[in-house]
N, C-alpha and C. Protein backbone atom coordinates (compact mmCIF):
# COMPACT_ATOMS: atom_id res chain seq x y z
N UNK A 1 205.26 81.07 -33.99
CA UNK A 1 206.17 80.52 -33.01
C UNK A 1 205.39 79.64 -32.05
N UNK A 2 205.81 78.38 -31.83
CA UNK A 2 205.11 77.52 -30.87
C UNK A 2 205.24 78.05 -29.45
N UNK A 3 204.26 77.76 -28.64
CA UNK A 3 204.27 78.16 -27.24
C UNK A 3 204.60 76.95 -26.38
N UNK A 4 205.56 77.11 -25.51
CA UNK A 4 205.95 76.03 -24.60
C UNK A 4 205.41 76.32 -23.22
N UNK A 5 205.13 75.26 -22.47
CA UNK A 5 204.56 75.43 -21.13
C UNK A 5 205.59 75.24 -20.03
N UNK A 6 206.84 74.96 -20.38
CA UNK A 6 207.89 74.79 -19.38
C UNK A 6 208.70 73.54 -19.63
N UNK A 7 209.69 73.35 -18.82
CA UNK A 7 210.54 72.17 -18.91
C UNK A 7 209.74 70.95 -18.47
N UNK A 8 209.76 69.88 -19.25
CA UNK A 8 208.96 68.69 -18.97
C UNK A 8 209.69 67.68 -18.10
N UNK A 9 210.94 67.35 -18.48
CA UNK A 9 211.62 66.33 -17.68
C UNK A 9 213.14 66.41 -17.85
N UNK A 10 213.82 65.79 -16.93
CA UNK A 10 215.26 65.58 -16.97
C UNK A 10 215.45 64.08 -16.77
N UNK A 11 216.29 63.46 -17.61
CA UNK A 11 216.53 62.02 -17.53
C UNK A 11 217.98 61.82 -17.08
N UNK A 12 218.17 61.13 -15.96
CA UNK A 12 219.49 60.90 -15.39
C UNK A 12 219.84 59.42 -15.40
N UNK A 13 221.02 59.09 -15.87
CA UNK A 13 221.56 57.73 -15.75
C UNK A 13 222.10 57.59 -14.33
N UNK A 14 221.77 56.53 -13.65
CA UNK A 14 222.18 56.36 -12.25
C UNK A 14 222.78 54.98 -12.03
N UNK A 15 223.58 54.88 -10.98
CA UNK A 15 224.23 53.61 -10.64
C UNK A 15 223.26 52.63 -9.98
N UNK A 16 222.30 53.15 -9.22
CA UNK A 16 221.37 52.31 -8.47
C UNK A 16 220.01 53.02 -8.47
N UNK A 17 219.07 52.51 -9.26
CA UNK A 17 217.76 53.15 -9.42
C UNK A 17 217.05 53.30 -8.08
N UNK A 18 217.01 52.25 -7.28
CA UNK A 18 216.31 52.32 -5.99
C UNK A 18 216.91 53.38 -5.08
N UNK A 19 218.25 53.45 -5.02
CA UNK A 19 218.93 54.45 -4.19
C UNK A 19 218.59 55.86 -4.67
N UNK A 20 218.58 56.08 -5.97
CA UNK A 20 218.28 57.40 -6.51
C UNK A 20 216.82 57.78 -6.27
N UNK A 21 215.92 56.82 -6.40
CA UNK A 21 214.50 57.09 -6.12
C UNK A 21 214.34 57.49 -4.66
N UNK A 22 214.98 56.76 -3.75
CA UNK A 22 214.92 57.13 -2.31
C UNK A 22 215.45 58.54 -2.09
N UNK A 23 216.59 58.86 -2.72
CA UNK A 23 217.18 60.19 -2.56
C UNK A 23 216.21 61.28 -3.00
N UNK A 24 215.70 61.21 -4.21
CA UNK A 24 214.83 62.27 -4.72
C UNK A 24 213.49 62.35 -3.97
N UNK A 25 213.00 61.23 -3.50
CA UNK A 25 211.77 61.26 -2.69
C UNK A 25 212.04 61.89 -1.34
N UNK A 26 213.15 61.50 -0.69
CA UNK A 26 213.46 62.02 0.65
C UNK A 26 213.94 63.47 0.59
N UNK A 27 214.83 63.80 -0.33
CA UNK A 27 215.42 65.14 -0.37
C UNK A 27 214.48 66.19 -0.93
N UNK A 28 213.69 65.84 -1.94
CA UNK A 28 212.86 66.84 -2.62
C UNK A 28 211.36 66.55 -2.57
N UNK A 29 210.95 65.45 -1.93
CA UNK A 29 209.54 65.13 -1.81
C UNK A 29 208.88 64.72 -3.12
N UNK A 30 209.67 64.24 -4.08
CA UNK A 30 209.09 63.82 -5.35
C UNK A 30 208.24 62.57 -5.15
N UNK A 31 207.26 62.43 -6.01
CA UNK A 31 206.35 61.30 -5.94
C UNK A 31 206.56 60.37 -7.13
N UNK A 32 206.28 59.09 -6.93
CA UNK A 32 206.36 58.13 -8.03
C UNK A 32 205.28 58.46 -9.05
N UNK A 33 205.69 58.52 -10.33
CA UNK A 33 204.74 58.85 -11.38
C UNK A 33 204.64 57.74 -12.43
N UNK A 34 205.51 56.75 -12.34
CA UNK A 34 205.45 55.65 -13.30
C UNK A 34 206.77 54.92 -13.40
N UNK A 35 206.75 53.85 -14.18
CA UNK A 35 207.95 53.04 -14.36
C UNK A 35 207.89 52.34 -15.71
N UNK A 36 209.07 52.01 -16.24
CA UNK A 36 209.19 51.25 -17.49
C UNK A 36 210.34 50.26 -17.32
N UNK A 37 210.45 49.37 -18.26
CA UNK A 37 211.56 48.43 -18.33
C UNK A 37 211.76 47.67 -17.02
N UNK A 38 210.67 47.09 -16.52
CA UNK A 38 210.72 46.29 -15.29
C UNK A 38 211.33 47.05 -14.11
N UNK A 39 211.02 48.33 -13.99
CA UNK A 39 211.51 49.13 -12.87
C UNK A 39 212.91 49.66 -13.04
N UNK A 40 213.51 49.47 -14.20
CA UNK A 40 214.86 49.99 -14.43
C UNK A 40 214.84 51.44 -14.86
N UNK A 41 213.63 51.99 -15.11
CA UNK A 41 213.44 53.41 -15.40
C UNK A 41 212.24 53.87 -14.59
N UNK A 42 212.46 54.84 -13.73
CA UNK A 42 211.41 55.34 -12.84
C UNK A 42 211.17 56.82 -13.11
N UNK A 43 209.90 57.20 -13.12
CA UNK A 43 209.50 58.59 -13.31
C UNK A 43 209.03 59.16 -11.96
N UNK A 44 209.59 60.30 -11.60
CA UNK A 44 209.23 60.98 -10.35
C UNK A 44 208.72 62.37 -10.70
N UNK A 45 207.78 62.89 -9.91
CA UNK A 45 207.25 64.22 -10.19
C UNK A 45 207.13 65.05 -8.92
N UNK A 46 207.16 66.36 -9.12
CA UNK A 46 206.92 67.29 -8.03
C UNK A 46 205.43 67.25 -7.71
N UNK A 47 205.06 67.13 -6.43
CA UNK A 47 203.63 67.11 -6.09
C UNK A 47 202.91 68.33 -6.68
N UNK A 48 201.87 68.06 -7.46
CA UNK A 48 201.09 69.13 -8.07
C UNK A 48 201.72 69.73 -9.31
N UNK A 49 202.89 69.26 -9.71
CA UNK A 49 203.58 69.82 -10.86
C UNK A 49 203.42 68.97 -12.11
N UNK A 50 203.94 69.46 -13.20
CA UNK A 50 203.89 68.76 -14.48
C UNK A 50 205.27 68.28 -14.91
N UNK A 51 206.26 68.43 -14.04
CA UNK A 51 207.62 68.07 -14.38
C UNK A 51 207.93 66.64 -13.99
N UNK A 52 208.99 66.09 -14.57
CA UNK A 52 209.43 64.74 -14.23
C UNK A 52 210.94 64.71 -14.10
N UNK A 53 211.41 63.95 -13.13
CA UNK A 53 212.80 63.54 -13.06
C UNK A 53 212.77 62.05 -13.34
N UNK A 54 213.42 61.64 -14.42
CA UNK A 54 213.48 60.23 -14.79
C UNK A 54 214.86 59.70 -14.39
N UNK A 55 214.89 58.60 -13.67
CA UNK A 55 216.15 57.95 -13.34
C UNK A 55 216.11 56.56 -13.97
N UNK A 56 217.25 56.19 -14.60
CA UNK A 56 217.29 54.87 -15.21
C UNK A 56 218.63 54.21 -14.97
N UNK A 57 218.60 52.90 -14.95
CA UNK A 57 219.78 52.07 -14.80
C UNK A 57 220.79 52.46 -15.86
N UNK A 58 222.05 52.62 -15.47
CA UNK A 58 223.10 53.04 -16.40
C UNK A 58 223.26 52.05 -17.56
N UNK A 59 222.92 50.80 -17.36
CA UNK A 59 223.05 49.80 -18.42
C UNK A 59 221.89 49.80 -19.40
N UNK A 60 220.84 50.53 -19.08
CA UNK A 60 219.69 50.63 -19.96
C UNK A 60 220.02 51.61 -21.07
N UNK A 61 219.83 51.23 -22.31
CA UNK A 61 220.15 52.13 -23.43
C UNK A 61 219.40 53.44 -23.33
N UNK A 62 220.05 54.52 -23.67
CA UNK A 62 219.44 55.85 -23.63
C UNK A 62 218.52 56.09 -24.81
N UNK A 63 217.65 57.08 -24.69
CA UNK A 63 216.74 57.42 -25.78
C UNK A 63 217.48 58.10 -26.93
N UNK A 64 218.47 58.92 -26.60
CA UNK A 64 219.19 59.67 -27.61
C UNK A 64 220.44 58.92 -28.06
N UNK A 65 221.27 58.53 -27.11
CA UNK A 65 222.51 57.84 -27.40
C UNK A 65 222.45 56.48 -26.72
N UNK A 66 222.09 55.46 -27.46
CA UNK A 66 221.88 54.14 -26.89
C UNK A 66 223.14 53.54 -26.26
N UNK A 67 224.31 54.11 -26.56
CA UNK A 67 225.54 53.60 -25.98
C UNK A 67 225.93 54.34 -24.69
N UNK A 68 225.19 55.38 -24.33
CA UNK A 68 225.54 56.18 -23.16
C UNK A 68 225.29 55.42 -21.87
N UNK A 69 226.34 55.24 -21.07
CA UNK A 69 226.21 54.56 -19.79
C UNK A 69 226.89 55.36 -18.69
N UNK A 70 227.19 56.61 -18.94
CA UNK A 70 227.89 57.42 -17.95
C UNK A 70 226.95 57.82 -16.83
N UNK A 71 227.44 57.69 -15.61
CA UNK A 71 226.67 58.07 -14.42
C UNK A 71 227.34 59.27 -13.80
N UNK A 72 226.56 60.29 -13.45
CA UNK A 72 227.09 61.45 -12.76
C UNK A 72 227.92 62.37 -13.63
N UNK A 73 227.98 62.10 -14.93
CA UNK A 73 228.72 62.95 -15.86
C UNK A 73 227.71 63.88 -16.50
N UNK A 74 227.83 65.17 -16.20
CA UNK A 74 226.84 66.13 -16.68
C UNK A 74 226.90 66.37 -18.18
N UNK A 75 227.95 65.92 -18.85
CA UNK A 75 228.00 65.98 -20.31
C UNK A 75 227.70 67.35 -20.89
N UNK A 76 228.17 68.41 -20.26
CA UNK A 76 227.93 69.76 -20.75
C UNK A 76 226.77 70.45 -20.04
N UNK A 77 225.94 69.70 -19.34
CA UNK A 77 224.88 70.30 -18.54
C UNK A 77 225.48 70.65 -17.19
N UNK A 78 225.42 71.91 -16.82
CA UNK A 78 226.05 72.35 -15.58
C UNK A 78 225.31 71.84 -14.35
N UNK A 79 223.98 71.99 -14.33
CA UNK A 79 223.19 71.55 -13.18
C UNK A 79 221.71 71.58 -13.53
N UNK A 80 220.90 70.97 -12.67
CA UNK A 80 219.44 71.12 -12.75
C UNK A 80 219.01 71.87 -11.50
N UNK A 81 217.82 72.42 -11.49
CA UNK A 81 217.40 73.23 -10.35
C UNK A 81 216.00 72.90 -9.87
N UNK A 82 215.83 73.05 -8.56
CA UNK A 82 214.52 72.93 -7.93
C UNK A 82 214.19 74.24 -7.25
N UNK A 83 212.97 74.71 -7.39
CA UNK A 83 212.52 75.94 -6.74
C UNK A 83 211.85 75.61 -5.41
N UNK A 84 212.14 76.42 -4.42
CA UNK A 84 211.45 76.31 -3.13
C UNK A 84 210.24 77.24 -3.13
N UNK A 85 209.14 76.80 -2.56
CA UNK A 85 207.97 77.67 -2.44
C UNK A 85 208.29 78.86 -1.54
N UNK A 86 209.12 78.64 -0.51
CA UNK A 86 209.51 79.69 0.43
C UNK A 86 211.02 79.66 0.58
N UNK A 87 211.70 80.69 0.13
CA UNK A 87 213.16 80.73 0.18
C UNK A 87 213.71 80.64 1.60
N UNK A 88 212.88 80.91 2.59
CA UNK A 88 213.31 80.78 3.99
C UNK A 88 213.47 79.32 4.42
N UNK A 89 213.06 78.39 3.56
CA UNK A 89 213.18 76.97 3.86
C UNK A 89 214.48 76.36 3.34
N UNK A 90 215.43 77.19 2.90
CA UNK A 90 216.66 76.67 2.32
C UNK A 90 217.44 75.81 3.31
N UNK A 91 217.57 76.23 4.56
CA UNK A 91 218.30 75.42 5.55
C UNK A 91 217.66 74.04 5.70
N UNK A 92 216.35 74.01 5.79
CA UNK A 92 215.64 72.73 5.92
C UNK A 92 215.81 71.88 4.67
N UNK A 93 215.81 72.52 3.50
CA UNK A 93 215.99 71.78 2.24
C UNK A 93 217.38 71.16 2.18
N UNK A 94 218.39 71.92 2.58
CA UNK A 94 219.76 71.39 2.59
C UNK A 94 219.86 70.22 3.57
N UNK A 95 219.25 70.35 4.72
CA UNK A 95 219.27 69.27 5.71
C UNK A 95 218.65 68.00 5.14
N UNK A 96 217.54 68.14 4.41
CA UNK A 96 216.89 66.96 3.79
C UNK A 96 217.82 66.31 2.78
N UNK A 97 218.54 67.12 2.01
CA UNK A 97 219.49 66.59 1.03
C UNK A 97 220.58 65.80 1.74
N UNK A 98 221.13 66.36 2.81
CA UNK A 98 222.19 65.68 3.56
C UNK A 98 221.69 64.38 4.17
N UNK A 99 220.49 64.41 4.75
CA UNK A 99 219.90 63.20 5.35
C UNK A 99 219.66 62.12 4.30
N UNK A 100 219.39 62.55 3.05
CA UNK A 100 219.10 61.60 1.97
C UNK A 100 220.37 61.05 1.32
N UNK A 101 221.55 61.53 1.77
CA UNK A 101 222.81 61.02 1.24
C UNK A 101 223.50 61.92 0.25
N UNK A 102 222.95 63.11 0.01
CA UNK A 102 223.59 64.07 -0.89
C UNK A 102 224.64 64.87 -0.14
N UNK A 103 225.27 65.79 -0.85
CA UNK A 103 226.29 66.63 -0.22
C UNK A 103 226.11 68.08 -0.64
N UNK A 104 226.45 68.98 0.25
CA UNK A 104 226.41 70.41 -0.02
C UNK A 104 227.69 70.81 -0.74
N UNK A 105 227.56 71.46 -1.89
CA UNK A 105 228.72 71.98 -2.61
C UNK A 105 229.04 73.37 -2.07
N UNK A 106 228.03 74.26 -2.12
CA UNK A 106 228.22 75.60 -1.56
C UNK A 106 226.89 76.33 -1.46
N UNK A 107 226.86 77.27 -0.52
CA UNK A 107 225.72 78.17 -0.35
C UNK A 107 226.13 79.53 -0.89
N UNK A 108 225.17 80.31 -1.36
CA UNK A 108 225.47 81.64 -1.87
C UNK A 108 224.17 82.42 -2.02
N UNK A 109 224.26 83.67 -2.42
CA UNK A 109 223.07 84.46 -2.72
C UNK A 109 223.05 84.76 -4.21
N UNK A 110 221.92 84.45 -4.85
CA UNK A 110 221.75 84.79 -6.27
C UNK A 110 221.72 86.30 -6.44
N UNK A 111 221.07 86.94 -5.49
CA UNK A 111 220.96 88.40 -5.39
C UNK A 111 220.77 88.69 -3.90
N UNK A 112 220.95 89.93 -3.47
CA UNK A 112 220.75 90.22 -2.05
C UNK A 112 219.38 89.73 -1.56
N UNK A 113 219.42 88.93 -0.49
CA UNK A 113 218.19 88.40 0.09
C UNK A 113 217.60 87.20 -0.64
N UNK A 114 218.31 86.67 -1.62
CA UNK A 114 217.81 85.52 -2.38
C UNK A 114 218.82 84.37 -2.23
N UNK A 115 218.68 83.58 -1.14
CA UNK A 115 219.64 82.51 -0.87
C UNK A 115 219.47 81.34 -1.84
N UNK A 116 220.58 80.65 -2.06
CA UNK A 116 220.59 79.49 -2.94
C UNK A 116 221.71 78.56 -2.49
N UNK A 117 221.71 77.35 -3.04
CA UNK A 117 222.77 76.40 -2.73
C UNK A 117 222.92 75.43 -3.89
N UNK A 118 224.13 74.93 -4.05
CA UNK A 118 224.39 73.83 -4.96
C UNK A 118 224.66 72.60 -4.11
N UNK A 119 224.05 71.49 -4.52
CA UNK A 119 224.26 70.22 -3.84
C UNK A 119 224.60 69.17 -4.89
N UNK A 120 225.05 68.00 -4.45
CA UNK A 120 225.24 66.86 -5.34
C UNK A 120 224.31 65.74 -4.88
N UNK A 121 223.71 65.06 -5.84
CA UNK A 121 222.88 63.92 -5.49
C UNK A 121 223.76 62.70 -5.26
N UNK A 122 223.17 61.55 -5.05
CA UNK A 122 223.92 60.34 -4.70
C UNK A 122 224.77 59.80 -5.85
N UNK A 123 224.54 60.28 -7.07
CA UNK A 123 225.35 59.87 -8.21
C UNK A 123 226.32 60.95 -8.65
N UNK A 124 226.30 62.11 -7.99
CA UNK A 124 227.23 63.18 -8.31
C UNK A 124 226.67 64.28 -9.20
N UNK A 125 225.38 64.21 -9.54
CA UNK A 125 224.78 65.27 -10.35
C UNK A 125 224.63 66.54 -9.52
N UNK A 126 224.94 67.69 -10.14
CA UNK A 126 224.82 68.97 -9.46
C UNK A 126 223.38 69.49 -9.58
N UNK A 127 222.87 69.96 -8.44
CA UNK A 127 221.50 70.48 -8.36
C UNK A 127 221.52 71.79 -7.61
N UNK A 128 220.81 72.78 -8.13
CA UNK A 128 220.67 74.06 -7.44
C UNK A 128 219.30 74.12 -6.78
N UNK A 129 219.31 74.60 -5.56
CA UNK A 129 218.06 74.83 -4.83
C UNK A 129 217.93 76.32 -4.64
């Protein structure tokens, strides 16, 4: 059985690449990790992590379905998630999301004493913190 080291990346079709890059940098502190297609596809990473959030222009053909141009349509994927180093920072994390143009869907507890929240990014994708 092959051994996997974790989730590598999530690729999101977006309406405005620059706006989405600003959102993910401001809301989650992601860093620029690269670009392709004259800046129409941008790779962002968690500082010190091996993961990537890829955002690309909705008109840019997809890797799997070259005709896919849907923005904010989860297509069967319920949400993506970001982990906080300290769960006590949830209020501050939500505030950063709101300041970056996202919206709070709802707050809840995964288990007693384990706070969480669902938010939407600037294109409508659901994200759990």
